[in-house]
PDB file of N, CA and C in Angstrom:
ATOM      1  N   UNK A   1       0.842  -1.176   0.000  1.00  0.00           N
ATOM      2  CA  UNK A   1       0.000   0.000   0.000  1.00  0.00           C
ATOM      3  C   UNK A   1       0.894   1.249   0.000  1.00  0.00           C
ATOM      4  N   UNK A   2       0.799   2.114  -0.963  1.00  0.00           N
ATOM      5  CA  UNK A   2       1.639   3.307  -1.022  1.00  0.00           C
ATOM      6  C   UNK A   2       1.422   4.213   0.189  1.00  0.00           C
ATOM      7  N   UNK A   3       2.506   4.847   0.590  1.00  0.00           N
ATOM      8  CA  UNK A   3       2.407   5.809   1.679  1.00  0.00           C
ATOM      9  C   UNK A   3       2.782   5.248   3.031  1.00  0.00           C
ATOM     10  N   UNK A   4       2.948   3.953   3.125  1.00  0.00           N
ATOM     11  CA  UNK A   4       3.339   3.371   4.397  1.00  0.00           C
ATOM     12  C   UNK A   4       4.848   3.469   4.564  1.00  0.00           C
ATOM     13  N   UNK A   5       5.295   3.514   5.805  1.00  0.00           N
ATOM     14  CA  UNK A   5       6.715   3.701   6.093  1.00  0.00           C
ATOM     15  C   UNK A   5       7.578   2.623   5.448  1.00  0.00           C
ATOM     16  N   UNK A   6       7.088   1.397   5.396  1.00  0.00           N
ATOM     17  CA  UNK A   6       7.904   0.332   4.822  1.00  0.00           C
ATOM     18  C   UNK A   6       8.093   0.490   3.316  1.00  0.00           C
ATOM     19  N   UNK A   7       7.290   1.313   2.676  1.00  0.00           N
ATOM     20  CA  UNK A   7       7.422   1.556   1.245  1.00  0.00           C
ATOM     21  C   UNK A   7       8.453   2.634   0.921  1.00  0.00           C
ATOM     22  N   UNK A   8       8.888   3.339   1.916  1.00  0.00           N
ATOM     23  CA  UNK A   8       9.825   4.438   1.693  1.00  0.00           C
ATOM     24  C   UNK A   8      11.253   3.941   1.862  1.00  0.00           C
ATOM     25  N   UNK A   9      12.069   4.143   0.848  1.00  0.00           N
ATOM     26  CA  UNK A   9      13.448   3.679   0.899  1.00  0.00           C
ATOM     27  C   UNK A   9      14.265   4.471   1.907  1.00  0.00           C
ATOM     28  N   UNK A  10      13.978   5.764   2.038  1.00  0.00           N
ATOM     29  CA  UNK A  10      14.744   6.631   2.926  1.00  0.00           C
ATOM     30  C   UNK A  10      13.776   7.316   3.880  1.00  0.00           C
ATOM     31  N   UNK A  11      13.988   7.110   5.174  1.00  0.00           N
ATOM     32  CA  UNK A  11      13.087   7.697   6.158  1.00  0.00           C
ATOM     33  C   UNK A  11      13.756   8.800   6.974  1.00  0.00           C
ATOM     34  N   UNK A  12      15.060   8.976   6.821  1.00  0.00           N
ATOM     35  CA  UNK A  12      15.766   9.967   7.625  1.00  0.00           C
ATOM     36  C   UNK A  12      15.765  11.326   6.933  1.00  0.00           C
ATOM     37  N   UNK A  13      16.062  12.396   7.679  1.00  0.00           N
ATOM     38  CA  UNK A  13      16.140  13.727   7.058  1.00  0.00           C
ATOM     39  C   UNK A  13      17.182  13.746   5.935  1.00  0.00           C
ATOM     40  N   UNK A  14      16.903  14.488   4.903  1.00  0.00           N
ATOM     41  CA  UNK A  14      17.764  14.517   3.728  1.00  0.00           C
ATOM     42  C   UNK A  14      18.500  15.843   3.554  1.00  0.00           C
ATOM     43  N   UNK A  15      18.588  16.654   4.598  1.00  0.00           N
ATOM     44  CA  UNK A  15      19.208  17.973   4.482  1.00  0.00           C
ATOM     45  C   UNK A  15      20.630  17.898   3.939  1.00  0.00           C
ATOM     46  N   UNK A  16      21.350  16.862   4.284  1.00  0.00           N
ATOM     47  CA  UNK A  16      22.749  16.755   3.871  1.00  0.00           C
ATOM     48  C   UNK A  16      22.920  16.597   2.365  1.00  0.00           C
ATOM     49  N   UNK A  17      21.927  16.062   1.691  1.00  0.00           N
ATOM     50  CA  UNK A  17      22.061  15.818   0.255  1.00  0.00           C
ATOM     51  C   UNK A  17      21.214  16.769  -0.580  1.00  0.00           C
ATOM     52  N   UNK A  18      20.581  17.738   0.063  1.00  0.00           N
ATOM     53  CA  UNK A  18      19.743  18.702  -0.644  1.00  0.00           C
ATOM     54  C   UNK A  18      20.472  20.032  -0.737  1.00  0.00           C
ATOM     55  N   UNK A  19      20.054  20.857  -1.672  1.00  0.00           N
ATOM     56  CA  UNK A  19      20.677  22.170  -1.829  1.00  0.00           C
ATOM     57  C   UNK A  19      20.256  23.090  -0.688  1.00  0.00           C
ATOM     58  N   UNK A  20      21.033  24.140  -0.485  1.00  0.00           N
ATOM     59  CA  UNK A  20      20.680  25.141   0.532  1.00  0.00           C
ATOM     60  C   UNK A  20      19.323  25.762   0.210  1.00  0.00           C
ATOM     61  N   UNK A  21      19.034  25.978  -1.067  1.00  0.00           N
ATOM     62  CA  UNK A  21      17.749  26.562  -1.458  1.00  0.00           C
ATOM     63  C   UNK A  21      16.591  25.647  -1.063  1.00  0.00           C
ATOM     64  N   UNK A  22      16.748  24.341  -1.268  1.00  0.00           N
ATOM     65  CA  UNK A  22      15.696  23.401  -0.879  1.00  0.00           C
ATOM     66  C   UNK A  22      15.496  23.409   0.635  1.00  0.00           C
ATOM     67  N   UNK A  23      16.590  23.441   1.383  1.00  0.00           N
ATOM     68  CA  UNK A  23      16.490  23.477   2.842  1.00  0.00           C
ATOM     69  C   UNK A  23      15.884  24.792   3.311  1.00  0.00           C
ATOM     70  N   UNK A  24      16.212  25.889   2.638  1.00  0.00           N
ATOM     71  CA  UNK A  24      15.612  27.189   2.986  1.00  0.00           C
ATOM     72  C   UNK A  24      14.106  27.171   2.746  1.00  0.00           C
ATOM     73  N   UNK A  25      13.679  26.543   1.646  1.00  0.00           N
ATOM     74  CA  UNK A  25      12.242  26.432   1.367  1.00  0.00           C
ATOM     75  C   UNK A  25      11.549  25.621   2.462  1.00  0.00           C
ATOM     76  N   UNK A  26      12.169  24.539   2.883  1.00  0.00           N
ATOM     77  CA  UNK A  26      11.595  23.721   3.952  1.00  0.00           C
ATOM     78  C   UNK A  26      11.515  24.503   5.256  1.00  0.00           C
ATOM     79  N   UNK A  27      12.557  25.285   5.544  1.00  0.00           N
ATOM     80  CA  UNK A  27      12.564  26.083   6.762  1.00  0.00           C
ATOM     81  C   UNK A  27      11.440  27.116   6.726  1.00  0.00           C
ATOM     82  N   UNK A  28      11.254  27.758   5.584  1.00  0.00           N
ATOM     83  CA  UNK A  28      10.180  28.745   5.452  1.00  0.00           C
ATOM     84  C   UNK A  28       8.815  28.076   5.607  1.00  0.00           C
ATOM     85  N   UNK A  29       8.643  26.923   4.994  1.00  0.00           N
ATOM     86  CA  UNK A  29       7.370  26.208   5.091  1.00  0.00           C
ATOM     87  C   UNK A  29       7.068  25.795   6.530  1.00  0.00           C
ATOM     88  N   UNK A  30       8.037  25.216   7.216  1.00  0.00           N
ATOM     89  CA  UNK A  30       7.774  24.770   8.583  1.00  0.00           C
ATOM     90  C   UNK A  30       7.546  25.949   9.519  1.00  0.00           C
ATOM     91  N   UNK A  31       8.213  27.072   9.254  1.00  0.00           N
ATOM     92  CA  UNK A  31       7.963  28.277  10.053  1.00  0.00           C
ATOM     93  C   UNK A  31       6.532  28.759   9.832  1.00  0.00           C
ATOM     94  N   UNK A  32       6.077  28.759   8.582  1.00  0.00           N
ATOM     95  CA  UNK A  32       4.696  29.163   8.280  1.00  0.00           C
ATOM     96  C   UNK A  32       3.688  28.225   8.932  1.00  0.00           C
ATOM     97  N   UNK A  33       3.963  26.936   8.892  1.00  0.00           N
ATOM     98  CA  UNK A  33       3.059  25.968   9.517  1.00  0.00           C
ATOM     99  C   UNK A  33       2.989  26.197  11.020  1.00  0.00           C
ATOM    100  N   UNK A  34       4.138  26.433  11.646  1.00  0.00           N
ATOM    101  CA  UNK A  34       4.152  26.697  13.088  1.00  0.00           C
ATOM    102  C   UNK A  34       3.373  27.959  13.412  1.00  0.00           C
ATOM    103  N   UNK A  35       3.560  29.004  12.611  1.00  0.00           N
ATOM    104  CA  UNK A  35       2.835  30.263  12.843  1.00  0.00           C
ATOM    105  C   UNK A  35       1.331  30.089  12.628  1.00  0.00           C
ATOM    106  N   UNK A  36       0.955  29.380  11.574  1.00  0.00           N
ATOM    107  CA  UNK A  36      -0.464  29.194  11.266  1.00  0.00           C
ATOM    108  C   UNK A  36      -1.177  28.364  12.327  1.00  0.00           C
ATOM    109  N   UNK A  37      -0.436  27.499  12.986  1.00  0.00           N
ATOM    110  CA  UNK A  37      -1.026  26.613  13.989  1.00  0.00           C
ATOM    111  C   UNK A  37      -0.653  27.023  15.408  1.00  0.00           C
ATOM    112  N   UNK A  38      -0.343  28.281  15.589  1.00  0.00           N
ATOM    113  CA  UNK A  38       0.089  28.768  16.893  1.00  0.00           C
ATOM    114  C   UNK A  38      -0.929  28.446  17.994  1.00  0.00           C
ATOM    115  N   UNK A  39      -2.228  28.477  17.666  1.00  0.00           N
ATOM    116  CA  UNK A  39      -3.252  28.198  18.678  1.00  0.00           C
ATOM    117  C   UNK A  39      -3.323  26.709  19.030  1.00  0.00           C
ATOM    118  N   UNK A  40      -2.801  25.859  18.179  1.00  0.00           N
ATOM    119  CA  UNK A  40      -2.737  24.419  18.463  1.00  0.00           C
ATOM    120  C   UNK A  40      -1.314  24.113  18.911  1.00  0.00           C
ATOM    121  N   UNK A  41      -1.110  24.059  20.209  1.00  0.00           N
ATOM    122  CA  UNK A  41       0.248  23.945  20.749  1.00  0.00           C
ATOM    123  C   UNK A  41       0.984  22.702  20.264  1.00  0.00           C
ATOM    124  N   UNK A  42       0.279  21.591  20.098  1.00  0.00           N
ATOM    125  CA  UNK A  42       0.941  20.377  19.633  1.00  0.00           C
ATOM    126  C   UNK A  42       1.431  20.524  18.192  1.00  0.00           C
ATOM    127  N   UNK A  43       0.600  21.071  17.321  1.00  0.00           N
ATOM    128  CA  UNK A  43       0.986  21.251  15.919  1.00  0.00           C
ATOM    129  C   UNK A  43       2.115  22.263  15.794  1.00  0.00           C
ATOM    130  N   UNK A  44       2.026  23.361  16.536  1.00  0.00           N
ATOM    131  CA  UNK A  44       3.072  24.380  16.481  1.00  0.00           C
ATOM    132  C   UNK A  44       4.388  23.827  17.003  1.00  0.00           C
ATOM    133  N   UNK A  45       4.343  23.062  18.082  1.00  0.00           N
ATOM    134  CA  UNK A  45       5.565  22.474  18.640  1.00  0.00           C
ATOM    135  C   UNK A  45       6.173  21.468  17.669  1.00  0.00           C
ATOM    136  N   UNK A  46       5.329  20.686  17.009  1.00  0.00           N
ATOM    137  CA  UNK A  46       5.814  19.707  16.046  1.00  0.00           C
ATOM    138  C   UNK A  46       6.499  20.394  14.870  1.00  0.00           C
ATOM    139  N   UNK A  47       5.871  21.417  14.329  1.00  0.00           N
ATOM    140  CA  UNK A  47       6.464  22.157  13.209  1.00  0.00           C
ATOM    141  C   UNK A  47       7.723  22.881  13.662  1.00  0.00           C
ATOM    142  N   UNK A  48       7.688  23.455  14.852  1.00  0.00           N
ATOM    143  CA  UNK A  48       8.866  24.134  15.378  1.00  0.00           C
ATOM    144  C   UNK A  48      10.030  23.181  15.566  1.00  0.00           C
ATOM    145  N   UNK A  49       9.726  21.953  15.954  1.00  0.00           N
ATOM    146  CA  UNK A  49      10.769  20.943  16.092  1.00  0.00           C
ATOM    147  C   UNK A  49      11.382  20.561  14.759  1.00  0.00           C
ATOM    148  N   UNK A  50      10.638  20.724  13.690  1.00  0.00           N
ATOM    149  CA  UNK A  50      11.162  20.436  12.355  1.00  0.00           C
ATOM    150  C   UNK A  50      12.050  21.555  11.843  1.00  0.00           C
ATOM    151  N   UNK A  51      11.724  22.792  12.180  1.00  0.00           N
ATOM    152  CA  UNK A  51      12.494  23.915  11.660  1.00  0.00           C
ATOM    153  C   UNK A  51      13.827  24.069  12.394  1.00  0.00           C
ATOM    154  N   UNK A  52      13.892  23.686  13.649  1.00  0.00           N
ATOM    155  CA  UNK A  52      15.132  23.867  14.416  1.00  0.00           C
ATOM    156  C   UNK A  52      16.332  23.167  13.786  1.00  0.00           C
ATOM    157  N   UNK A  53      16.227  21.889  13.400  1.00  0.00           N
ATOM    158  CA  UNK A  53      17.381  21.257  12.748  1.00  0.00           C
ATOM    159  C   UNK A  53      17.743  21.912  11.417  1.00  0.00           C
ATOM    160  N   UNK A  54      16.743  22.415  10.699  1.00  0.00           N
ATOM    161  CA  UNK A  54      17.033  23.091   9.433  1.00  0.00           C
ATOM    162  C   UNK A  54      17.816  24.373   9.678  1.00  0.00           C
ATOM    163  N   UNK A  55      17.492  25.087  10.758  1.00  0.00           N
ATOM    164  CA  UNK A  55      18.234  26.307  11.087  1.00  0.00           C
ATOM    165  C   UNK A  55      19.665  25.987  11.486  1.00  0.00           C
ATOM    166  N   UNK A  56      19.860  24.876  12.190  1.00  0.00           N
ATOM    167  CA  UNK A  56      21.186  24.496  12.671  1.00  0.00           C
ATOM    168  C   UNK A  56      22.052  23.874  11.583  1.00  0.00           C
ATOM    169  N   UNK A  57      21.448  23.355  10.527  1.00  0.00           N
ATOM    170  CA  UNK A  57      22.198  22.615   9.522  1.00  0.00           C
ATOM    171  C   UNK A  57      23.350  23.409   8.901  1.00  0.00           C
ATOM    172  N   UNK A  58      23.174  24.665   8.483  1.00  0.00           N
ATOM    173  CA  UNK A  58      24.308  25.387   7.883  1.00  0.00           C
ATOM    174  C   UNK A  58      25.494  25.509   8.836  1.00  0.00           C
ATOM    175  N   UNK A  59      25.237  25.638  10.116  1.00  0.00           N
ATOM    176  CA  UNK A  59      26.327  25.722  11.089  1.00  0.00           C
ATOM    177  C   UNK A  59      27.088  24.409  11.159  1.00  0.00           C
ATOM    178  N   UNK A  60      26.380  23.311  11.103  1.00  0.00           N
ATOM    179  CA  UNK A  60      27.023  22.005  11.142  1.00  0.00           C
ATOM    180  C   UNK A  60      27.741  21.699   9.836  1.00  0.00           C
ATOM    181  N   UNK A  61      27.164  22.126   8.738  1.00  0.00           N
ATOM    182  CA  UNK A  61      27.720  21.830   7.423  1.00  0.00           C
ATOM    183  C   UNK A  61      28.992  22.628   7.147  1.00  0.00           C
ATOM    184  N   UNK A  62      28.986  23.896   7.527  1.00  0.00           N
ATOM    185  CA  UNK A  62      30.107  24.772   7.185  1.00  0.00           C
ATOM    186  C   UNK A  62      30.983  25.121   8.373  1.00  0.00           C
ATOM    187  N   UNK A  63      30.627  24.623   9.551  1.00  0.00           N
ATOM    188  CA  UNK A  63      31.408  24.835  10.765  1.00  0.00           C
ATOM    189  C   UNK A  63      31.530  26.240  11.087  1.00  0.00           C
TER     190      UNK A  63
END
């Protein structure tokens, strides 16, 4: 059945193999999702947890 975790070859974050522009787009999207769901603390926290590693990635990548 498509969409199940076992059907996905790669389940880990792909920031290391994506361009900075792609990661910037993801960061902008997750920030927007967190802002849009600010009244739903669980959704905002989940989206915020996704954006944090994206913000930290350039520091880890370029030292």
